[in-house]
Amino acid sequence: PDQRFRGDPYAALEVRYDATDAQVKRRWRELAREHHPDRAAGDADAAAALTARMARINAAYDVLRDPVRRAAYDGSPAGRRA
């Protein structure tokens, strides 16, 4: 699978670029509670939308929680533009 996150992981998690690891983790947990597919309660369309959103949230968190991947993103052209 492609390990690159497409887009801005900071925007996906709605955190500042200078956010600490603790702030990133706290925001990920907040978004996970808010967008978890179990909240759809039987609505298949809503569950599908929440599943897609949750996958994006998790992918962004995977980039920002790993110091090596975060530094690589921050040093990339996309990270420098942000």
N, C-alpha and C. Protein backbone atom coordinates (compact mmCIF):
# COMPACT_ATOMS: atom_id res chain seq x y z
N PRO A 1 0.82 -1.21 0.00
CA PRO A 1 0.00 0.00 0.00
C PRO A 1 0.86 1.27 0.00
N ASP A 2 0.27 2.30 -0.51
CA ASP A 2 0.95 3.60 -0.56
C ASP A 2 1.00 4.19 0.84
N GLN A 3 2.19 4.47 1.36
CA GLN A 3 2.35 4.98 2.71
C GLN A 3 2.30 6.50 2.78
N ARG A 4 2.19 7.17 1.65
CA ARG A 4 2.15 8.62 1.66
C ARG A 4 0.74 9.11 1.94
N PHE A 5 0.62 10.09 2.81
CA PHE A 5 -0.67 10.71 3.09
C PHE A 5 -0.89 11.80 2.06
N ARG A 6 -1.99 11.77 1.42
CA ARG A 6 -2.30 12.78 0.42
C ARG A 6 -3.03 13.95 1.09
N GLY A 7 -2.43 15.10 1.00
CA GLY A 7 -3.02 16.27 1.63
C GLY A 7 -2.20 16.71 2.84
N ASP A 8 -2.81 17.51 3.66
CA ASP A 8 -2.15 18.09 4.82
C ASP A 8 -2.64 17.39 6.08
N PRO A 9 -1.78 16.59 6.74
CA PRO A 9 -2.23 15.89 7.94
C PRO A 9 -2.59 16.83 9.09
N TYR A 10 -1.96 18.01 9.14
CA TYR A 10 -2.30 18.98 10.17
C TYR A 10 -3.73 19.49 9.97
N ALA A 11 -4.10 19.75 8.73
CA ALA A 11 -5.46 20.21 8.45
C ALA A 11 -6.48 19.10 8.70
N ALA A 12 -6.12 17.86 8.37
CA ALA A 12 -7.04 16.75 8.59
C ALA A 12 -7.35 16.57 10.07
N LEU A 13 -6.35 16.81 10.93
CA LEU A 13 -6.56 16.70 12.37
C LEU A 13 -6.95 18.03 13.00
N GLU A 14 -6.94 19.09 12.20
CA GLU A 14 -7.31 20.42 12.68
C GLU A 14 -6.43 20.87 13.84
N VAL A 15 -5.11 20.72 13.65
CA VAL A 15 -4.15 21.18 14.65
C VAL A 15 -3.17 22.15 13.99
N ARG A 16 -2.52 22.94 14.83
CA ARG A 16 -1.52 23.89 14.33
C ARG A 16 -0.26 23.13 13.93
N TYR A 17 0.56 23.75 13.11
CA TYR A 17 1.80 23.12 12.64
C TYR A 17 2.83 22.97 13.74
N ASP A 18 2.71 23.76 14.79
CA ASP A 18 3.64 23.65 15.90
C ASP A 18 3.05 22.86 17.07
N ALA A 19 2.00 22.08 16.81
CA ALA A 19 1.34 21.30 17.86
C ALA A 19 2.30 20.25 18.42
N THR A 20 2.23 20.07 19.73
CA THR A 20 3.06 19.06 20.37
C THR A 20 2.47 17.67 20.10
N ASP A 21 3.25 16.64 20.42
CA ASP A 21 2.76 15.28 20.27
C ASP A 21 1.51 15.05 21.11
N ALA A 22 1.49 15.60 22.32
CA ALA A 22 0.33 15.44 23.20
C ALA A 22 -0.90 16.12 22.62
N GLN A 23 -0.73 17.29 22.02
CA GLN A 23 -1.86 17.99 21.40
C GLN A 23 -2.40 17.22 20.21
N VAL A 24 -1.49 16.66 19.41
CA VAL A 24 -1.90 15.87 18.25
C VAL A 24 -2.69 14.65 18.71
N LYS A 25 -2.19 13.97 19.72
CA LYS A 25 -2.87 12.77 20.22
C LYS A 25 -4.24 13.12 20.81
N ARG A 26 -4.32 14.20 21.57
CA ARG A 26 -5.59 14.61 22.16
C ARG A 26 -6.62 14.93 21.07
N ARG A 27 -6.17 15.63 20.04
CA ARG A 27 -7.11 15.99 18.95
C ARG A 27 -7.54 14.75 18.19
N TRP A 28 -6.62 13.81 17.96
CA TRP A 28 -6.96 12.56 17.28
C TRP A 28 -8.04 11.83 18.07
N ARG A 29 -7.89 11.77 19.38
CA ARG A 29 -8.88 11.08 20.21
C ARG A 29 -10.24 11.78 20.14
N GLU A 30 -10.23 13.09 20.16
CA GLU A 30 -11.49 13.84 20.06
C GLU A 30 -12.19 13.55 18.73
N LEU A 31 -11.43 13.60 17.65
CA LEU A 31 -12.01 13.33 16.33
C LEU A 31 -12.45 11.88 16.20
N ALA A 32 -11.70 10.96 16.80
CA ALA A 32 -12.08 9.55 16.74
C ALA A 32 -13.41 9.32 17.44
N ARG A 33 -13.62 9.96 18.58
CA ARG A 33 -14.91 9.84 19.27
C ARG A 33 -16.04 10.45 18.44
N GLU A 34 -15.76 11.57 17.83
CA GLU A 34 -16.78 12.30 17.07
C GLU A 34 -17.15 11.59 15.77
N HIS A 35 -16.19 11.00 15.09
CA HIS A 35 -16.41 10.45 13.75
C HIS A 35 -16.37 8.92 13.70
N HIS A 36 -16.43 8.26 14.83
CA HIS A 36 -16.37 6.80 14.82
C HIS A 36 -17.62 6.23 14.12
N PRO A 37 -17.44 5.23 13.24
CA PRO A 37 -18.58 4.67 12.50
C PRO A 37 -19.68 4.08 13.37
N ASP A 38 -19.39 3.68 14.58
CA ASP A 38 -20.42 3.15 15.47
C ASP A 38 -21.46 4.20 15.84
N ARG A 39 -21.14 5.46 15.65
CA ARG A 39 -22.09 6.53 15.95
C ARG A 39 -23.21 6.62 14.93
N ALA A 40 -23.09 5.91 13.81
CA ALA A 40 -24.11 5.98 12.76
C ALA A 40 -25.38 5.23 13.15
N ALA A 41 -25.30 4.28 14.05
CA ALA A 41 -26.46 3.56 14.61
C ALA A 41 -27.41 3.04 13.54
N GLY A 42 -26.90 2.21 12.66
CA GLY A 42 -27.77 1.54 11.69
C GLY A 42 -27.94 2.24 10.36
N ASP A 43 -27.49 3.45 10.22
CA ASP A 43 -27.59 4.18 8.95
C ASP A 43 -26.37 3.84 8.10
N ALA A 44 -26.58 3.04 7.07
CA ALA A 44 -25.46 2.54 6.27
C ALA A 44 -24.71 3.67 5.55
N ASP A 45 -25.44 4.64 5.04
CA ASP A 45 -24.79 5.75 4.34
C ASP A 45 -23.94 6.59 5.30
N ALA A 46 -24.48 6.87 6.45
CA ALA A 46 -23.73 7.65 7.44
C ALA A 46 -22.52 6.85 7.93
N ALA A 47 -22.69 5.55 8.10
CA ALA A 47 -21.58 4.71 8.54
C ALA A 47 -20.47 4.71 7.50
N ALA A 48 -20.82 4.66 6.24
CA ALA A 48 -19.81 4.68 5.17
C ALA A 48 -19.06 6.01 5.17
N ALA A 49 -19.78 7.10 5.34
CA ALA A 49 -19.14 8.42 5.37
C ALA A 49 -18.22 8.54 6.59
N LEU A 50 -18.68 8.06 7.73
CA LEU A 50 -17.85 8.13 8.93
C LEU A 50 -16.63 7.22 8.83
N THR A 51 -16.79 6.07 8.18
CA THR A 51 -15.66 5.16 7.98
C THR A 51 -14.59 5.83 7.14
N ALA A 52 -15.00 6.50 6.07
CA ALA A 52 -14.04 7.19 5.21
C ALA A 52 -13.35 8.32 5.96
N ARG A 53 -14.11 9.08 6.74
CA ARG A 53 -13.54 10.19 7.51
C ARG A 53 -12.58 9.65 8.58
N MET A 54 -12.97 8.57 9.23
CA MET A 54 -12.12 7.99 10.26
C MET A 54 -10.82 7.45 9.67
N ALA A 55 -10.89 6.87 8.48
CA ALA A 55 -9.68 6.38 7.83
C ALA A 55 -8.72 7.53 7.54
N ARG A 56 -9.25 8.67 7.12
CA ARG A 56 -8.42 9.84 6.85
C ARG A 56 -7.80 10.39 8.14
N ILE A 57 -8.59 10.42 9.20
CA ILE A 57 -8.10 10.88 10.50
C ILE A 57 -6.97 9.98 10.98
N ASN A 58 -7.16 8.67 10.87
CA ASN A 58 -6.14 7.72 11.31
C ASN A 58 -4.87 7.82 10.48
N ALA A 59 -5.02 8.02 9.17
CA ALA A 59 -3.85 8.14 8.30
C ALA A 59 -3.06 9.40 8.64
N ALA A 60 -3.76 10.50 8.90
CA ALA A 60 -3.08 11.74 9.28
C ALA A 60 -2.36 11.57 10.61
N TYR A 61 -3.00 10.91 11.55
CA TYR A 61 -2.37 10.67 12.85
C TYR A 61 -1.15 9.78 12.71
N ASP A 62 -1.21 8.80 11.82
CA ASP A 62 -0.05 7.92 11.60
C ASP A 62 1.17 8.73 11.15
N VAL A 63 0.95 9.74 10.33
CA VAL A 63 2.05 10.58 9.86
C VAL A 63 2.60 11.43 11.01
N LEU A 64 1.71 12.05 11.76
CA LEU A 64 2.16 13.01 12.77
C LEU A 64 2.66 12.37 14.06
N ARG A 65 2.27 11.15 14.34
CA ARG A 65 2.74 10.53 15.59
C ARG A 65 4.14 9.93 15.45
N ASP A 66 4.56 9.66 14.23
CA ASP A 66 5.88 9.09 13.97
C ASP A 66 6.86 10.25 13.72
N PRO A 67 7.84 10.45 14.59
CA PRO A 67 8.75 11.59 14.44
C PRO A 67 9.48 11.61 13.08
N VAL A 68 9.81 10.46 12.56
CA VAL A 68 10.53 10.40 11.29
C VAL A 68 9.60 10.83 10.14
N ARG A 69 8.40 10.29 10.13
CA ARG A 69 7.45 10.64 9.06
C ARG A 69 7.00 12.09 9.18
N ARG A 70 6.85 12.58 10.41
CA ARG A 70 6.46 13.98 10.60
C ARG A 70 7.55 14.91 10.09
N ALA A 71 8.79 14.60 10.42
CA ALA A 71 9.91 15.43 9.95
C ALA A 71 10.02 15.37 8.44
N ALA A 72 9.78 14.19 7.86
CA ALA A 72 9.83 14.07 6.40
C ALA A 72 8.73 14.91 5.76
N TYR A 73 7.53 14.90 6.34
CA TYR A 73 6.45 15.73 5.80
C TYR A 73 6.78 17.21 5.96
N ASP A 74 7.24 17.60 7.13
CA ASP A 74 7.56 19.01 7.39
C ASP A 74 8.66 19.52 6.45
N GLY A 75 9.55 18.63 6.04
CA GLY A 75 10.64 19.01 5.14
C GLY A 75 10.29 18.90 3.68
N SER A 76 9.13 18.33 3.38
CA SER A 76 8.70 18.17 1.99
C SER A 76 8.20 19.50 1.43
N PRO A 77 8.07 19.60 0.11
CA PRO A 77 7.54 20.85 -0.46
C PRO A 77 6.14 21.18 0.05
N ALA A 78 5.30 20.17 0.25
CA ALA A 78 3.94 20.43 0.76
C ALA A 78 3.99 20.94 2.19
N GLY A 79 4.86 20.37 3.00
CA GLY A 79 5.01 20.80 4.38
C GLY A 79 5.59 22.19 4.49
N ARG A 80 6.53 22.52 3.62
CA ARG A 80 7.13 23.86 3.64
C ARG A 80 6.13 24.92 3.18
N ARG A 81 5.23 24.56 2.26
CA ARG A 81 4.21 25.53 1.80
C ARG A 81 3.26 25.88 2.94
N ALA A 82 2.97 24.90 3.76
CA ALA A 82 2.02 25.13 4.86
C ALA A 82 2.69 25.99 5.91
